[in-house]
Amino acid sequence: MAAITEEHVERVREIVASVPPGRVVTYGDIAAAAGLSSPRTVGWIMRTDSADLPWHRVVPADGRPAAHLATRQLAELQGEGVEIRDGRVDLRTARFDLG
């Protein structure tokens, strides 16, 4: 993994904080918007520095949360009005355009 700078961490934090209730973004969306080379880098940042962020609004590209987070994450998203189908977020309707 390339060196992650404090600027990368802050940019990812800003992007996650900008996602409104009822909408989601993917790790890849954040990587592209932050100028990072890989969605995995975003995942690493999220694992280490996202406790105070709306982490539940960030999902994998297939819309299916990680198994260890799925119940909590999907409940949080459903509470915000996000449509869930077969354990996946409906990205067609819920994806937020980071522009």
Protein backbone atom coordinates (compact mmCIF):
# COMPACT_ATOMS: atom_id res chain seq x y z
CA MET A 1 0.00 0.00 0.00
CA ALA A 2 1.29 3.45 -0.86
CA ALA A 3 2.01 5.79 1.99
CA ILE A 4 -1.18 7.26 3.40
CA THR A 5 -0.80 10.87 4.39
CA GLU A 6 -2.76 12.85 6.94
CA GLU A 7 -4.24 14.74 3.96
CA HIS A 8 -5.60 11.46 2.56
CA VAL A 9 -7.18 10.62 5.90
CA GLU A 10 -8.74 14.07 6.21
CA ARG A 11 -10.06 13.98 2.62
CA VAL A 12 -11.69 10.58 3.19
CA ARG A 13 -13.20 11.88 6.44
CA GLU A 14 -14.58 14.97 4.65
CA ILE A 15 -16.14 12.86 1.91
CA VAL A 16 -17.77 10.39 4.31
CA ALA A 17 -19.10 13.26 6.42
CA SER A 18 -20.67 14.80 3.28
CA VAL A 19 -22.89 11.80 2.49
CA PRO A 20 -26.43 12.74 3.52
CA PRO A 21 -28.80 10.48 5.43
CA GLY A 22 -30.58 8.02 3.17
CA ARG A 23 -27.73 7.87 0.67
CA VAL A 24 -24.59 5.74 0.30
CA VAL A 25 -21.25 5.76 -1.50
CA THR A 26 -18.88 2.94 -2.28
CA TYR A 27 -15.29 2.58 -1.19
CA GLY A 28 -14.37 3.02 -4.85
CA ASP A 29 -16.38 6.24 -5.12
CA ILE A 30 -14.44 7.67 -2.19
CA ALA A 31 -11.09 6.48 -3.56
CA ALA A 32 -11.78 8.20 -6.89
CA ALA A 33 -12.95 11.43 -5.25
CA ALA A 34 -9.99 11.50 -2.85
CA GLY A 35 -7.39 10.68 -5.51
CA LEU A 36 -6.45 7.38 -3.89
CA SER A 37 -5.28 4.42 -5.93
CA SER A 38 -7.46 1.76 -4.33
CA PRO A 39 -10.76 1.26 -2.53
CA ARG A 40 -8.76 -0.90 -0.10
CA THR A 41 -6.93 2.21 1.06
CA VAL A 42 -10.29 3.78 1.90
CA GLY A 43 -11.22 0.62 3.79
CA TRP A 44 -8.03 0.81 5.81
CA ILE A 45 -8.69 4.46 6.69
CA MET A 46 -12.29 3.67 7.60
CA ARG A 47 -11.22 0.82 9.89
CA THR A 48 -8.77 3.03 11.74
CA ASP A 49 -10.42 6.46 11.79
CA SER A 50 -14.19 6.55 11.33
CA ALA A 51 -15.84 6.06 14.73
CA ASP A 52 -17.28 9.58 14.66
CA LEU A 53 -18.40 9.41 11.01
CA PRO A 54 -21.53 7.99 9.34
CA TRP A 55 -19.53 4.86 8.44
CA HIS A 56 -22.72 2.94 7.68
CA ARG A 57 -23.19 5.02 4.51
CA VAL A 58 -20.08 3.47 2.92
CA VAL A 59 -20.63 0.11 1.22
CA PRO A 60 -18.72 -2.23 -1.09
CA ALA A 61 -19.32 -1.92 -4.84
CA ASP A 62 -21.81 -4.81 -4.80
CA GLY A 63 -23.91 -3.12 -2.11
CA ARG A 64 -23.51 -6.01 0.33
CA PRO A 65 -21.97 -5.00 3.67
CA ALA A 66 -19.24 -7.11 5.25
CA ALA A 67 -20.75 -10.03 7.17
CA HIS A 68 -19.57 -8.79 10.57
CA LEU A 69 -21.23 -5.39 9.98
CA ALA A 70 -24.25 -6.37 7.90
CA THR A 71 -26.98 -6.54 10.54
CA ARG A 72 -26.05 -3.22 12.16
CA GLN A 73 -25.22 -1.43 8.91
CA LEU A 74 -28.37 -2.49 7.08
CA ALA A 75 -30.53 -1.58 10.09
CA GLU A 76 -28.94 1.90 10.24
CA LEU A 77 -29.49 2.39 6.51
CA GLN A 78 -33.07 1.12 6.57
CA GLY A 79 -33.73 3.55 9.41
CA GLU A 80 -32.66 6.33 7.03
CA GLY A 81 -34.98 5.06 4.28
CA VAL A 82 -32.42 3.25 2.13
CA GLU A 83 -33.94 0.43 0.12
CA ILE A 84 -32.45 -2.97 0.94
CA ARG A 85 -33.03 -5.99 -1.30
CA ASP A 86 -31.77 -9.46 -0.41
CA GLY A 87 -29.24 -8.09 2.06
CA ARG A 88 -27.89 -5.49 -0.38
CA VAL A 89 -28.22 -1.77 -0.70
CA ASP A 90 -29.99 -0.80 -3.92
CA LEU A 91 -27.20 1.35 -5.34
CA ARG A 92 -29.34 2.52 -8.26
CA THR A 93 -31.59 4.44 -5.89
CA ALA A 94 -29.35 5.14 -2.88
CA ARG A 95 -25.97 6.04 -4.39
CA PHE A 96 -24.85 9.60 -3.71
CA ASP A 97 -23.00 11.37 -6.50
CA LEU A 98 -19.80 12.84 -5.11
CA GLY A 99 -19.59 14.88 -8.28
